[in-house]
Amino acid sequence: MALPKISEARELTDEQLAQEIIAVKKQLFQLRLQKATRQLEKPHLFRHARHRLAQLLTVEHERKRASVSQETSEAE
């Protein structure tokens, strides 16, 4: 299974991005729970979920920085 592409995350709206971040965090929690109870069959899913979360948070941060820099340039 290939890792998710960041271009997919950039296509999401801000609301979809926030919902996706919450969903991936819940997925990571479930994976940790399965690992602790020795029910985890696919440990590679940790890497995929962490990678996806990093991409989503990166896109969110990029958008926040862009909006702040745009506001400061308009104020001047």
C-alpha atoms as a PDB file:
ATOM      1  CA  MET A   1       0.000   0.000   0.000  1.00  0.00           C
ATOM      2  CA  ALA A   2       1.451   3.351  -1.045  1.00  0.00           C
ATOM      3  CA  LEU A   3       1.699   6.315   1.267  1.00  0.00           C
ATOM      4  CA  PRO A   4      -0.908   9.045   0.713  1.00  0.00           C
ATOM      5  CA  LYS A   5      -0.004  12.029  -1.479  1.00  0.00           C
ATOM      6  CA  ILE A   6       0.072  15.563  -0.091  1.00  0.00           C
ATOM      7  CA  SER A   7      -1.684  16.836  -3.206  1.00  0.00           C
ATOM      8  CA  GLU A   8      -4.805  15.048  -1.972  1.00  0.00           C
ATOM      9  CA  ALA A   9      -4.617  16.970   1.298  1.00  0.00           C
ATOM     10  CA  ARG A  10      -4.163  20.287  -0.501  1.00  0.00           C
ATOM     11  CA  GLU A  11      -7.405  19.733  -2.428  1.00  0.00           C
ATOM     12  CA  LEU A  12      -9.473  19.611   0.781  1.00  0.00           C
ATOM     13  CA  THR A  13     -11.374  22.609   2.116  1.00  0.00           C
ATOM     14  CA  ASP A  14     -10.515  23.972   5.555  1.00  0.00           C
ATOM     15  CA  GLU A  15     -13.511  22.222   7.120  1.00  0.00           C
ATOM     16  CA  GLN A  16     -12.725  18.908   5.440  1.00  0.00           C
ATOM     17  CA  LEU A  17      -9.105  19.285   6.530  1.00  0.00           C
ATOM     18  CA  ALA A  18     -10.102  19.722  10.175  1.00  0.00           C
ATOM     19  CA  GLN A  19     -12.431  16.718  10.004  1.00  0.00           C
ATOM     20  CA  GLU A  20      -9.738  14.584   8.381  1.00  0.00           C
ATOM     21  CA  ILE A  21      -7.220  15.537  11.096  1.00  0.00           C
ATOM     22  CA  ILE A  22      -9.670  14.433  13.782  1.00  0.00           C
ATOM     23  CA  ALA A  23     -10.378  11.188  11.925  1.00  0.00           C
ATOM     24  CA  VAL A  24      -6.688  10.327  11.582  1.00  0.00           C
ATOM     25  CA  LYS A  25      -6.054  11.083  15.255  1.00  0.00           C
ATOM     26  CA  LYS A  26      -8.902   8.718  16.186  1.00  0.00           C
ATOM     27  CA  GLN A  27      -7.445   6.091  13.865  1.00  0.00           C
ATOM     28  CA  LEU A  28      -4.044   6.413  15.555  1.00  0.00           C
ATOM     29  CA  PHE A  29      -5.702   6.008  18.947  1.00  0.00           C
ATOM     30  CA  GLN A  30      -7.460   2.846  17.774  1.00  0.00           C
ATOM     31  CA  LEU A  31      -4.190   1.474  16.391  1.00  0.00           C
ATOM     32  CA  ARG A  32      -2.427   2.125  19.714  1.00  0.00           C
ATOM     33  CA  LEU A  33      -5.288   0.403  21.530  1.00  0.00           C
ATOM     34  CA  GLN A  34      -5.048  -2.618  19.236  1.00  0.00           C
ATOM     35  CA  LYS A  35      -1.289  -2.746  19.725  1.00  0.00           C
ATOM     36  CA  ALA A  36      -1.654  -2.655  23.512  1.00  0.00           C
ATOM     37  CA  THR A  37      -4.175  -5.506  23.454  1.00  0.00           C
ATOM     38  CA  ARG A  38      -2.086  -7.459  20.930  1.00  0.00           C
ATOM     39  CA  GLN A  39      -4.810  -7.386  18.287  1.00  0.00           C
ATOM     40  CA  LEU A  40      -2.885  -5.353  15.708  1.00  0.00           C
ATOM     41  CA  GLU A  41      -2.394  -7.364  12.531  1.00  0.00           C
ATOM     42  CA  LYS A  42      -1.048  -4.651  10.225  1.00  0.00           C
ATOM     43  CA  PRO A  43       1.640  -2.600  11.964  1.00  0.00           C
ATOM     44  CA  HIS A  44       2.423  -0.696   8.760  1.00  0.00           C
ATOM     45  CA  LEU A  45      -0.829   1.230   9.261  1.00  0.00           C
ATOM     46  CA  PHE A  46       0.914   3.239  12.017  1.00  0.00           C
ATOM     47  CA  ARG A  47       3.356   4.647   9.492  1.00  0.00           C
ATOM     48  CA  HIS A  48       0.607   5.484   7.009  1.00  0.00           C
ATOM     49  CA  ALA A  49      -1.544   7.214   9.629  1.00  0.00           C
ATOM     50  CA  ARG A  50       1.348   9.226  11.057  1.00  0.00           C
ATOM     51  CA  HIS A  51       2.428  10.218   7.550  1.00  0.00           C
ATOM     52  CA  ARG A  52      -1.117  11.324   6.668  1.00  0.00           C
ATOM     53  CA  LEU A  53      -1.442  13.294   9.911  1.00  0.00           C
ATOM     54  CA  ALA A  54       1.848  15.085   9.239  1.00  0.00           C
ATOM     55  CA  GLN A  55       0.675  15.999   5.739  1.00  0.00           C
ATOM     56  CA  LEU A  56      -2.653  17.333   6.994  1.00  0.00           C
ATOM     57  CA  LEU A  57      -1.037  19.382   9.755  1.00  0.00           C
ATOM     58  CA  THR A  58       1.500  20.752   7.272  1.00  0.00           C
ATOM     59  CA  VAL A  59      -1.227  21.904   4.896  1.00  0.00           C
ATOM     60  CA  GLU A  60      -3.167  23.439   7.786  1.00  0.00           C
ATOM     61  CA  HIS A  61      -0.087  25.322   8.974  1.00  0.00           C
ATOM     62  CA  GLU A  62       0.716  26.522   5.441  1.00  0.00           C
ATOM     63  CA  ARG A  63      -2.785  27.945   5.094  1.00  0.00           C
ATOM     64  CA  LYS A  64      -2.614  29.695   8.465  1.00  0.00           C
ATOM     65  CA  ARG A  65       0.755  31.238   7.611  1.00  0.00           C
ATOM     66  CA  ALA A  66      -0.534  32.369   4.223  1.00  0.00           C
ATOM     67  CA  SER A  67      -3.611  34.022   5.745  1.00  0.00           C
ATOM     68  CA  VAL A  68      -1.531  35.786   8.415  1.00  0.00           C
ATOM     69  CA  SER A  69       0.995  37.063   5.883  1.00  0.00           C
ATOM     70  CA  GLN A  70      -1.853  38.214   3.644  1.00  0.00           C
ATOM     71  CA  GLU A  71      -3.457  40.112   6.542  1.00  0.00           C
ATOM     72  CA  THR A  72      -0.182  41.820   7.440  1.00  0.00           C
ATOM     73  CA  SER A  73       0.456  42.847   3.832  1.00  0.00           C
ATOM     74  CA  GLU A  74      -3.056  44.335   3.604  1.00  0.00           C
ATOM     75  CA  ALA A  75      -2.550  46.278   6.837  1.00  0.00           C
ATOM     76  CA  GLU A  76       0.533  48.049   5.505  1.00  0.00           C
END
